[in-house]
Amino acid sequence: MDRRRYWRRLALAMVAGIGVAVWVFPVLWALATSFKTERDVLAYPPVWFFEPTLANYREVLFGASSIVPNLWSSFVVATLTTALTMLIAIPAAYALGRLRYPAKRASGFYVLGTQMLPPMGLIIPYYLVLQKIGALDTYGGLTVIYLTFALPFAVWLMVSYFEDVPFEMEEAALLDRAGRWRALWYVILPQVRGGIAVTTIFVFLNAWNEFMFAVVLGGNRVRTVTVAMFNFISVEQTQWAKVAAGAMLAMLPVILIGFFAQRHIVKGLTVGAVKGGGRR
């Protein structure tokens, strides 16, 4: 039994190691590319030993094609999207998970159905609507569009957390003459803070990394960092070293959030597995 357990753990470790290597290798390759010159990038066979340079980072930060304004645009759009999404999604998920009201099942299927719509089929209607109301290339217009697909995701992610809270806790608060909103604020939300944290992180990261809607509905005034990296790609030449440097800068906030919030992410994703379900 011990030998079998050993080989099983070894096999799992090897599979996990291969999976991590497949994910890490492109990131490390892009990191190395960001410190190369364009000559080293295009060299064949690939150059493994080279003299690092910071010229690419100086160009993408302080040069003519600086992405610093685009980093700010991404931050504004992602922050506004996250704040509005959580403001609406928390009471919506609470209602779907704990309240009884007419058309509850229909509203649940409607939220789920919005997740099934292909994003590619929505770009043209969104473009025409924003053009009609003069909201193209604005923070407000792009935030509203992001809200349409971030909100259903956040609601469905949090419904299970609200359902896992025992109903007896809320009933006790209601018997003590606490209103519905006070019971939500003081009793329910502290129990689901892990789920709220992980949902907030995922919504922010999805908005930060989004490209397709940003490239069509944005413009010169509102251009996110994922779109701005295409400044270094043209028909004549692709400046791979600068693209890699821009990608590293764009990934930095994502990596930092994942590093500092990993405890909340793991706790939020596993809370449903360790809590007992509430009374239906």
C-alpha atoms as a PDB file:
ATOM      1  CA  MET A   1       0.000   0.000   0.000  1.00  0.00           C
ATOM      2  CA  ASP A   2       2.810   2.428   0.842  1.00  0.00           C
ATOM      3  CA  ARG A   3       4.572   1.701  -2.443  1.00  0.00           C
ATOM      4  CA  ARG A   4       1.344   2.148  -4.383  1.00  0.00           C
ATOM      5  CA  ARG A   5       0.660   5.435  -2.603  1.00  0.00           C
ATOM      6  CA  TYR A   6       4.209   6.573  -3.353  1.00  0.00           C
ATOM      7  CA  TRP A   7       3.925   5.870  -7.081  1.00  0.00           C
ATOM      8  CA  ARG A   8       0.509   7.509  -7.187  1.00  0.00           C
ATOM      9  CA  ARG A   9       1.850  10.663  -5.576  1.00  0.00           C
ATOM     10  CA  LEU A  10       4.858  10.618  -7.889  1.00  0.00           C
ATOM     11  CA  ALA A  11       2.612  10.320 -10.939  1.00  0.00           C
ATOM     12  CA  LEU A  12       0.405  13.177  -9.726  1.00  0.00           C
ATOM     13  CA  ALA A  13       3.477  15.307  -9.044  1.00  0.00           C
ATOM     14  CA  MET A  14       4.808  14.646 -12.547  1.00  0.00           C
ATOM     15  CA  VAL A  15       1.484  15.503 -14.169  1.00  0.00           C
ATOM     16  CA  ALA A  16       1.248  18.683 -12.075  1.00  0.00           C
ATOM     17  CA  GLY A  17       4.835  19.572 -12.950  1.00  0.00           C
ATOM     18  CA  ILE A  18       4.177  19.143 -16.665  1.00  0.00           C
ATOM     19  CA  GLY A  19       1.042  21.290 -16.389  1.00  0.00           C
ATOM     20  CA  VAL A  20       2.911  24.056 -14.556  1.00  0.00           C
ATOM     21  CA  ALA A  21       5.779  23.893 -17.056  1.00  0.00           C
ATOM     22  CA  VAL A  22       3.374  24.259 -19.991  1.00  0.00           C
ATOM     23  CA  TRP A  23       1.916  27.386 -18.354  1.00  0.00           C
ATOM     24  CA  VAL A  24       5.193  28.894 -17.110  1.00  0.00           C
ATOM     25  CA  PHE A  25       7.349  28.395 -20.229  1.00  0.00           C
ATOM     26  CA  PRO A  26       5.584  31.020 -22.448  1.00  0.00           C
ATOM     27  CA  VAL A  27       5.696  33.539 -19.589  1.00  0.00           C
ATOM     28  CA  LEU A  28       9.409  32.972 -18.989  1.00  0.00           C
ATOM     29  CA  TRP A  29      10.089  33.115 -22.732  1.00  0.00           C
ATOM     30  CA  ALA A  30       8.245  36.437 -22.998  1.00  0.00           C
ATOM     31  CA  LEU A  31      10.137  37.738 -19.962  1.00  0.00           C
ATOM     32  CA  ALA A  32      13.465  36.825 -21.552  1.00  0.00           C
ATOM     33  CA  THR A  33      12.360  38.343 -24.867  1.00  0.00           C
ATOM     34  CA  SER A  34      11.523  41.633 -23.161  1.00  0.00           C
ATOM     35  CA  PHE A  35      15.227  42.042 -22.233  1.00  0.00           C
ATOM     36  CA  LYS A  36      16.548  41.226 -25.716  1.00  0.00           C
ATOM     37  CA  THR A  37      17.314  43.470 -28.628  1.00  0.00           C
ATOM     38  CA  GLU A  38      15.305  43.011 -31.796  1.00  0.00           C
ATOM     39  CA  ARG A  39      18.364  41.426 -33.403  1.00  0.00           C
ATOM     40  CA  ASP A  40      18.569  38.800 -30.650  1.00  0.00           C
ATOM     41  CA  VAL A  41      14.837  38.164 -30.841  1.00  0.00           C
ATOM     42  CA  LEU A  42      14.984  37.395 -34.565  1.00  0.00           C
ATOM     43  CA  ALA A  43      18.200  35.380 -34.376  1.00  0.00           C
ATOM     44  CA  TYR A  44      18.051  31.765 -35.554  1.00  0.00           C
ATOM     45  CA  PRO A  45      18.786  29.495 -33.848  1.00  0.00           C
ATOM     46  CA  PRO A  46      17.428  31.230 -30.726  1.00  0.00           C
ATOM     47  CA  VAL A  47      19.915  33.117 -28.581  1.00  0.00           C
ATOM     48  CA  TRP A  48      19.985  31.631 -25.074  1.00  0.00           C
ATOM     49  CA  PHE A  49      22.798  33.790 -23.672  1.00  0.00           C
ATOM     50  CA  PHE A  50      22.605  37.516 -24.361  1.00  0.00           C
ATOM     51  CA  GLU A  51      23.326  40.878 -22.793  1.00  0.00           C
ATOM     52  CA  PRO A  52      20.078  42.131 -21.145  1.00  0.00           C
ATOM     53  CA  THR A  53      18.825  45.602 -21.989  1.00  0.00           C
ATOM     54  CA  LEU A  54      16.171  47.835 -20.475  1.00  0.00           C
ATOM     55  CA  ALA A  55      15.644  49.783 -23.689  1.00  0.00           C
ATOM     56  CA  ASN A  56      12.348  48.020 -24.400  1.00  0.00           C
ATOM     57  CA  TYR A  57      10.912  48.960 -21.023  1.00  0.00           C
ATOM     58  CA  ARG A  58      12.090  52.550 -21.396  1.00  0.00           C
ATOM     59  CA  GLU A  59      10.347  52.711 -24.764  1.00  0.00           C
ATOM     60  CA  VAL A  60       7.006  51.282 -23.590  1.00  0.00           C
ATOM     61  CA  LEU A  61       7.041  53.446 -20.442  1.00  0.00           C
ATOM     62  CA  PHE A  62       8.523  56.742 -21.560  1.00  0.00           C
ATOM     63  CA  GLY A  63       8.843  56.556 -25.348  1.00  0.00           C
ATOM     64  CA  ALA A  64       6.622  57.814 -28.131  1.00  0.00           C
ATOM     65  CA  SER A  65       4.421  54.720 -27.813  1.00  0.00           C
ATOM     66  CA  SER A  66       4.180  54.755 -24.018  1.00  0.00           C
ATOM     67  CA  ILE A  67       1.482  52.478 -22.596  1.00  0.00           C
ATOM     68  CA  VAL A  68       1.242  54.325 -19.267  1.00  0.00           C
ATOM     69  CA  PRO A  69      -1.988  56.160 -20.295  1.00  0.00           C
ATOM     70  CA  ASN A  70      -3.364  52.822 -21.444  1.00  0.00           C
ATOM     71  CA  LEU A  71      -2.546  51.216 -18.107  1.00  0.00           C
ATOM     72  CA  TRP A  72      -4.559  54.001 -16.499  1.00  0.00           C
ATOM     73  CA  SER A  73      -7.468  53.416 -18.907  1.00  0.00           C
ATOM     74  CA  SER A  74      -7.456  49.704 -18.078  1.00  0.00           C
ATOM     75  CA  PHE A  75      -7.375  50.485 -14.367  1.00  0.00           C
ATOM     76  CA  VAL A  76     -10.293  52.916 -14.585  1.00  0.00           C
ATOM     77  CA  VAL A  77     -12.460  50.602 -16.685  1.00  0.00           C
ATOM     78  CA  ALA A  78     -11.664  47.513 -14.615  1.00  0.00           C
ATOM     79  CA  THR A  79     -12.235  49.329 -11.312  1.00  0.00           C
ATOM     80  CA  LEU A  80     -15.536  50.879 -12.393  1.00  0.00           C
ATOM     81  CA  THR A  81     -16.707  47.548 -13.802  1.00  0.00           C
ATOM     82  CA  THR A  82     -15.805  45.701 -10.610  1.00  0.00           C
ATOM     83  CA  ALA A  83     -17.418  48.259  -8.299  1.00  0.00           C
ATOM     84  CA  LEU A  84     -20.693  48.426 -10.238  1.00  0.00           C
ATOM     85  CA  THR A  85     -20.798  44.664 -10.743  1.00  0.00           C
ATOM     86  CA  MET A  86     -20.388  43.868  -7.054  1.00  0.00           C
ATOM     87  CA  LEU A  87     -22.838  46.606  -6.055  1.00  0.00           C
ATOM     88  CA  ILE A  88     -25.550  44.945  -8.159  1.00  0.00           C
ATOM     89  CA  ALA A  89     -24.457  41.311  -7.992  1.00  0.00           C
ATOM     90  CA  ILE A  90     -24.436  40.958  -4.182  1.00  0.00           C
ATOM     91  CA  PRO A  91     -28.146  41.750  -3.637  1.00  0.00           C
ATOM     92  CA  ALA A  92     -29.059  39.900  -6.853  1.00  0.00           C
ATOM     93  CA  ALA A  93     -27.223  36.744  -5.773  1.00  0.00           C
ATOM     94  CA  TYR A  94     -28.749  37.052  -2.298  1.00  0.00           C
ATOM     95  CA  ALA A  95     -32.235  37.222  -3.796  1.00  0.00           C
ATOM     96  CA  LEU A  96     -31.657  34.253  -6.097  1.00  0.00           C
ATOM     97  CA  GLY A  97     -30.067  32.174  -3.364  1.00  0.00           C
ATOM     98  CA  ARG A  98     -32.287  32.888  -0.356  1.00  0.00           C
ATOM     99  CA  LEU A  99     -35.565  34.601  -1.216  1.00  0.00           C
ATOM    100  CA  ARG A 100     -38.812  33.286  -2.622  1.00  0.00           C
ATOM    101  CA  TYR A 101     -40.510  35.490  -5.185  1.00  0.00           C
ATOM    102  CA  PRO A 102     -42.524  35.075  -8.398  1.00  0.00           C
ATOM    103  CA  ALA A 103     -40.554  34.187 -11.530  1.00  0.00           C
ATOM    104  CA  LYS A 104     -37.485  33.266  -9.502  1.00  0.00           C
ATOM    105  CA  ARG A 105     -36.703  30.299 -11.741  1.00  0.00           C
ATOM    106  CA  ALA A 106     -37.246  32.370 -14.876  1.00  0.00           C
ATOM    107  CA  SER A 107     -34.922  35.116 -13.670  1.00  0.00           C
ATOM    108  CA  GLY A 108     -32.292  32.510 -12.817  1.00  0.00           C
ATOM    109  CA  PHE A 109     -32.509  31.011 -16.304  1.00  0.00           C
ATOM    110  CA  TYR A 110     -32.319  34.510 -17.801  1.00  0.00           C
ATOM    111  CA  VAL A 111     -29.072  35.250 -15.952  1.00  0.00           C
ATOM    112  CA  LEU A 112     -27.686  31.885 -17.021  1.00  0.00           C
ATOM    113  CA  GLY A 113     -28.809  32.450 -20.614  1.00  0.00           C
ATOM    114  CA  THR A 114     -26.878  35.710 -20.857  1.00  0.00           C
ATOM    115  CA  GLN A 115     -23.728  33.720 -20.115  1.00  0.00           C
ATOM    116  CA  MET A 116     -24.405  31.466 -23.090  1.00  0.00           C
ATOM    117  CA  LEU A 117     -24.602  34.245 -25.678  1.00  0.00           C
ATOM    118  CA  PRO A 118     -21.569  34.312 -28.006  1.00  0.00           C
ATOM    119  CA  PRO A 119     -19.665  37.586 -27.450  1.00  0.00           C
ATOM    120  CA  MET A 120     -18.810  37.858 -31.141  1.00  0.00           C
ATOM    121  CA  GLY A 121     -22.499  38.148 -32.001  1.00  0.00           C
ATOM    122  CA  LEU A 122     -22.965  41.076 -29.605  1.00  0.00           C
ATOM    123  CA  ILE A 123     -20.219  43.370 -30.846  1.00  0.00           C
ATOM    124  CA  ILE A 124     -22.160  44.884 -33.746  1.00  0.00           C
ATOM    125  CA  PRO A 125     -25.358  45.577 -31.716  1.00  0.00           C
ATOM    126  CA  TYR A 126     -23.267  47.069 -28.913  1.00  0.00           C
ATOM    127  CA  TYR A 127     -21.373  49.231 -31.405  1.00  0.00           C
ATOM    128  CA  LEU A 128     -24.565  50.522 -33.013  1.00  0.00           C
ATOM    129  CA  VAL A 129     -26.183  51.302 -29.647  1.00  0.00           C
ATOM    130  CA  LEU A 130     -23.144  53.142 -28.292  1.00  0.00           C
ATOM    131  CA  GLN A 131     -22.781  55.036 -31.570  1.00  0.00           C
ATOM    132  CA  LYS A 132     -26.437  56.080 -31.414  1.00  0.00           C
ATOM    133  CA  ILE A 133     -26.127  57.501 -27.893  1.00  0.00           C
ATOM    134  CA  GLY A 134     -22.660  58.959 -28.416  1.00  0.00           C
ATOM    135  CA  ALA A 135     -20.943  56.639 -25.933  1.00  0.00           C
ATOM    136  CA  LEU A 136     -18.294  55.148 -28.207  1.00  0.00           C
ATOM    137  CA  ASP A 137     -14.727  55.608 -26.973  1.00  0.00           C
ATOM    138  CA  THR A 138     -15.862  56.608 -23.458  1.00  0.00           C
ATOM    139  CA  TYR A 139     -15.234  55.119 -20.044  1.00  0.00           C
ATOM    140  CA  GLY A 140     -18.944  54.977 -19.365  1.00  0.00           C
ATOM    141  CA  GLY A 141     -19.806  53.154 -22.567  1.00  0.00           C
ATOM    142  CA  LEU A 142     -17.069  50.536 -22.216  1.00  0.00           C
ATOM    143  CA  THR A 143     -17.872  50.026 -18.536  1.00  0.00           C
ATOM    144  CA  VAL A 144     -21.556  49.416 -19.265  1.00  0.00           C
ATOM    145  CA  ILE A 145     -20.660  46.854 -21.931  1.00  0.00           C
ATOM    146  CA  TYR A 146     -18.269  45.085 -19.560  1.00  0.00           C
ATOM    147  CA  LEU A 147     -21.025  45.116 -16.964  1.00  0.00           C
ATOM    148  CA  THR A 148     -23.327  43.121 -19.250  1.00  0.00           C
ATOM    149  CA  PHE A 149     -21.108  40.052 -19.153  1.00  0.00           C
ATOM    150  CA  ALA A 150     -19.431  40.572 -15.755  1.00  0.00           C
ATOM    151  CA  LEU A 151     -22.732  40.803 -13.858  1.00  0.00           C
ATOM    152  CA  PRO A 152     -24.178  37.369 -14.836  1.00  0.00           C
ATOM    153  CA  PHE A 153     -20.813  35.751 -14.079  1.00  0.00           C
ATOM    154  CA  ALA A 154     -20.635  37.379 -10.633  1.00  0.00           C
ATOM    155  CA  VAL A 155     -24.240  36.536  -9.758  1.00  0.00           C
ATOM    156  CA  TRP A 156     -23.921  32.854 -10.608  1.00  0.00           C
ATOM    157  CA  LEU A 157     -20.572  32.597  -8.864  1.00  0.00           C
ATOM    158  CA  MET A 158     -21.960  34.031  -5.617  1.00  0.00           C
ATOM    159  CA  VAL A 159     -25.344  32.299  -5.531  1.00  0.00           C
ATOM    160  CA  SER A 160     -23.808  29.083  -4.215  1.00  0.00           C
ATOM    161  CA  TYR A 161     -22.056  30.959  -1.399  1.00  0.00           C
ATOM    162  CA  PHE A 162     -25.321  32.537  -0.251  1.00  0.00           C
ATOM    163  CA  GLU A 163     -27.091  29.178  -0.452  1.00  0.00           C
ATOM    164  CA  ASP A 164     -24.477  27.587   1.830  1.00  0.00           C
ATOM    165  CA  VAL A 165     -25.262  29.921   4.740  1.00  0.00           C
ATOM    166  CA  PRO A 166     -27.692  28.181   7.158  1.00  0.00           C
ATOM    167  CA  PHE A 167     -31.145  29.727   7.005  1.00  0.00           C
ATOM    168  CA  GLU A 168     -31.413  29.522  10.792  1.00  0.00           C
ATOM    169  CA  MET A 169     -28.866  32.321  11.200  1.00  0.00           C
ATOM    170  CA  GLU A 170     -30.936  34.724   9.121  1.00  0.00           C
ATOM    171  CA  GLU A 171     -34.198  33.643  10.741  1.00  0.00           C
ATOM    172  CA  ALA A 172     -32.720  34.324  14.173  1.00  0.00           C
ATOM    173  CA  ALA A 173     -31.765  37.834  13.077  1.00  0.00           C
ATOM    174  CA  LEU A 174     -35.250  38.437  11.664  1.00  0.00           C
ATOM    175  CA  LEU A 175     -36.844  37.216  14.896  1.00  0.00           C
ATOM    176  CA  ASP A 176     -34.702  39.769  16.755  1.00  0.00           C
ATOM    177  CA  ARG A 177     -36.434  42.443  14.633  1.00  0.00           C
ATOM    178  CA  ALA A 178     -33.504  43.019  12.330  1.00  0.00           C
ATOM    179  CA  GLY A 179     -34.726  44.020   8.889  1.00  0.00           C
ATOM    180  CA  ARG A 180     -33.810  42.195   5.727  1.00  0.00           C
ATOM    181  CA  TRP A 181     -31.038  44.632   4.885  1.00  0.00           C
ATOM    182  CA  ARG A 182     -29.560  44.567   8.394  1.00  0.00           C
ATOM    183  CA  ALA A 183     -29.617  40.769   8.387  1.00  0.00           C
ATOM    184  CA  LEU A 184     -27.847  40.799   5.022  1.00  0.00           C
ATOM    185  CA  TRP A 185     -25.210  43.270   6.177  1.00  0.00           C
ATOM    186  CA  TYR A 186     -24.470  41.936   9.660  1.00  0.00           C
ATOM    187  CA  VAL A 187     -25.247  38.213   9.340  1.00  0.00           C
ATOM    188  CA  ILE A 188     -25.007  36.990   5.740  1.00  0.00           C
ATOM    189  CA  LEU A 189     -22.201  39.060   4.242  1.00  0.00           C
ATOM    190  CA  PRO A 190     -19.629  38.164   6.941  1.00  0.00           C
ATOM    191  CA  GLN A 191     -20.297  34.499   6.169  1.00  0.00           C
ATOM    192  CA  VAL A 192     -19.717  34.883   2.423  1.00  0.00           C
ATOM    193  CA  ARG A 193     -16.829  37.372   2.452  1.00  0.00           C
ATOM    194  CA  GLY A 194     -14.526  34.723   0.964  1.00  0.00           C
ATOM    195  CA  GLY A 195     -16.864  34.262  -1.981  1.00  0.00           C
ATOM    196  CA  ILE A 196     -17.210  38.021  -2.408  1.00  0.00           C
ATOM    197  CA  ALA A 197     -13.429  38.407  -2.386  1.00  0.00           C
ATOM    198  CA  VAL A 198     -12.824  35.755  -5.043  1.00  0.00           C
ATOM    199  CA  THR A 199     -15.661  37.098  -7.207  1.00  0.00           C
ATOM    200  CA  THR A 200     -14.285  40.628  -6.980  1.00  0.00           C
ATOM    201  CA  ILE A 201     -10.844  39.427  -8.029  1.00  0.00           C
ATOM    202  CA  PHE A 202     -12.134  37.426 -10.975  1.00  0.00           C
ATOM    203  CA  VAL A 203     -14.339  40.272 -12.215  1.00  0.00           C
ATOM    204  CA  PHE A 204     -11.426  42.715 -12.054  1.00  0.00           C
ATOM    205  CA  LEU A 205      -9.053  40.343 -13.831  1.00  0.00           C
ATOM    206  CA  ASN A 206     -11.576  39.548 -16.573  1.00  0.00           C
ATOM    207  CA  ALA A 207     -12.151  43.249 -17.202  1.00  0.00           C
ATOM    208  CA  TRP A 208      -8.405  43.973 -17.133  1.00  0.00           C
ATOM    209  CA  ASN A 209      -7.572  41.230 -19.640  1.00  0.00           C
ATOM    210  CA  GLU A 210     -10.496  41.816 -22.036  1.00  0.00           C
ATOM    211  CA  PHE A 211      -9.505  42.661 -25.607  1.00  0.00           C
ATOM    212  CA  MET A 212     -12.269  42.043 -28.137  1.00  0.00           C
ATOM    213  CA  PHE A 213     -14.803  44.617 -26.922  1.00  0.00           C
ATOM    214  CA  ALA A 214     -12.050  47.114 -26.072  1.00  0.00           C
ATOM    215  CA  VAL A 215     -10.556  47.106 -29.562  1.00  0.00           C
ATOM    216  CA  VAL A 216     -13.934  47.657 -31.254  1.00  0.00           C
ATOM    217  CA  LEU A 217     -15.713  49.948 -28.793  1.00  0.00           C
ATOM    218  CA  GLY A 218     -12.694  51.932 -27.621  1.00  0.00           C
ATOM    219  CA  GLY A 219     -10.633  54.428 -29.569  1.00  0.00           C
ATOM    220  CA  ASN A 220      -8.029  57.139 -29.093  1.00  0.00           C
ATOM    221  CA  ARG A 221      -9.443  58.467 -25.826  1.00  0.00           C
ATOM    222  CA  VAL A 222     -10.130  55.126 -24.125  1.00  0.00           C
ATOM    223  CA  ARG A 223      -7.627  52.495 -25.189  1.00  0.00           C
ATOM    224  CA  THR A 224      -6.858  49.702 -22.758  1.00  0.00           C
ATOM    225  CA  VAL A 225      -3.404  48.219 -22.383  1.00  0.00           C
ATOM    226  CA  THR A 226      -4.359  44.999 -24.160  1.00  0.00           C
ATOM    227  CA  VAL A 227      -5.169  47.073 -27.253  1.00  0.00           C
ATOM    228  CA  ALA A 228      -2.204  49.430 -26.867  1.00  0.00           C
ATOM    229  CA  MET A 229       0.311  46.608 -27.260  1.00  0.00           C
ATOM    230  CA  PHE A 230      -0.699  46.441 -30.918  1.00  0.00           C
ATOM    231  CA  ASN A 231       1.064  49.781 -31.411  1.00  0.00           C
ATOM    232  CA  PHE A 232       4.229  47.737 -31.798  1.00  0.00           C
ATOM    233  CA  ILE A 233       2.734  45.527 -34.529  1.00  0.00           C
ATOM    234  CA  SER A 234       2.536  46.781 -38.097  1.00  0.00           C
ATOM    235  CA  VAL A 235       2.440  45.394 -41.606  1.00  0.00           C
ATOM    236  CA  GLU A 236       6.131  46.076 -42.145  1.00  0.00           C
ATOM    237  CA  GLN A 237       7.497  44.892 -38.823  1.00  0.00           C
ATOM    238  CA  THR A 238       6.513  43.412 -35.483  1.00  0.00           C
ATOM    239  CA  GLN A 239       8.657  44.681 -32.608  1.00  0.00           C
ATOM    240  CA  TRP A 240       8.525  41.516 -30.562  1.00  0.00           C
ATOM    241  CA  ALA A 241      10.808  42.737 -27.785  1.00  0.00           C
ATOM    242  CA  LYS A 242       8.615  45.772 -27.109  1.00  0.00           C
ATOM    243  CA  VAL A 243       5.468  43.646 -27.349  1.00  0.00           C
ATOM    244  CA  ALA A 244       6.947  41.324 -24.725  1.00  0.00           C
ATOM    245  CA  ALA A 245       7.891  44.259 -22.491  1.00  0.00           C
ATOM    246  CA  GLY A 246       4.380  45.671 -22.765  1.00  0.00           C
ATOM    247  CA  ALA A 247       2.908  42.253 -22.013  1.00  0.00           C
ATOM    248  CA  MET A 248       5.051  41.938 -18.882  1.00  0.00           C
ATOM    249  CA  LEU A 249       3.884  45.346 -17.647  1.00  0.00           C
ATOM    250  CA  ALA A 250       0.277  44.451 -18.402  1.00  0.00           C
ATOM    251  CA  MET A 251       0.649  41.145 -16.543  1.00  0.00           C
ATOM    252  CA  LEU A 252       2.284  42.716 -13.490  1.00  0.00           C
ATOM    253  CA  PRO A 253      -0.950  43.878 -11.776  1.00  0.00           C
ATOM    254  CA  VAL A 254      -2.536  40.484 -12.482  1.00  0.00           C
ATOM    255  CA  ILE A 255       0.436  38.640 -11.000  1.00  0.00           C
ATOM    256  CA  LEU A 256       0.523  40.889  -7.928  1.00  0.00           C
ATOM    257  CA  ILE A 257      -3.199  40.459  -7.298  1.00  0.00           C
ATOM    258  CA  GLY A 258      -2.910  36.705  -7.684  1.00  0.00           C
ATOM    259  CA  PHE A 259       0.101  36.572  -5.360  1.00  0.00           C
ATOM    260  CA  PHE A 260      -1.340  38.662  -2.537  1.00  0.00           C
ATOM    261  CA  ALA A 261      -4.911  37.339  -2.875  1.00  0.00           C
ATOM    262  CA  GLN A 262      -4.139  33.650  -3.361  1.00  0.00           C
ATOM    263  CA  ARG A 263      -5.278  32.838   0.176  1.00  0.00           C
ATOM    264  CA  HIS A 264      -8.650  34.498  -0.434  1.00  0.00           C
ATOM    265  CA  ILE A 265      -8.977  32.829  -3.828  1.00  0.00           C
ATOM    266  CA  VAL A 266      -8.354  29.342  -2.448  1.00  0.00           C
ATOM    267  CA  LYS A 267     -10.599  29.950   0.544  1.00  0.00           C
ATOM    268  CA  GLY A 268     -13.369  31.386  -1.602  1.00  0.00           C
ATOM    269  CA  LEU A 269     -13.248  28.526  -4.096  1.00  0.00           C
ATOM    270  CA  THR A 270     -13.319  25.848  -1.390  1.00  0.00           C
ATOM    271  CA  VAL A 271     -15.865  27.371   0.993  1.00  0.00           C
ATOM    272  CA  GLY A 272     -18.725  25.530  -0.670  1.00  0.00           C
ATOM    273  CA  ALA A 273     -16.984  22.199  -0.121  1.00  0.00           C
ATOM    274  CA  VAL A 274     -16.584  22.575   3.627  1.00  0.00           C
ATOM    275  CA  LYS A 275     -19.840  24.256   4.572  1.00  0.00           C
ATOM    276  CA  GLY A 276     -23.069  22.411   4.989  1.00  0.00           C
ATOM    277  CA  GLY A 277     -25.979  23.404   2.829  1.00  0.00           C
ATOM    278  CA  GLY A 278     -28.710  25.517   4.287  1.00  0.00           C
ATOM    279  CA  ARG A 279     -32.305  24.419   4.750  1.00  0.00           C
ATOM    280  CA  ARG A 280     -34.372  24.759   1.596  1.00  0.00           C
END
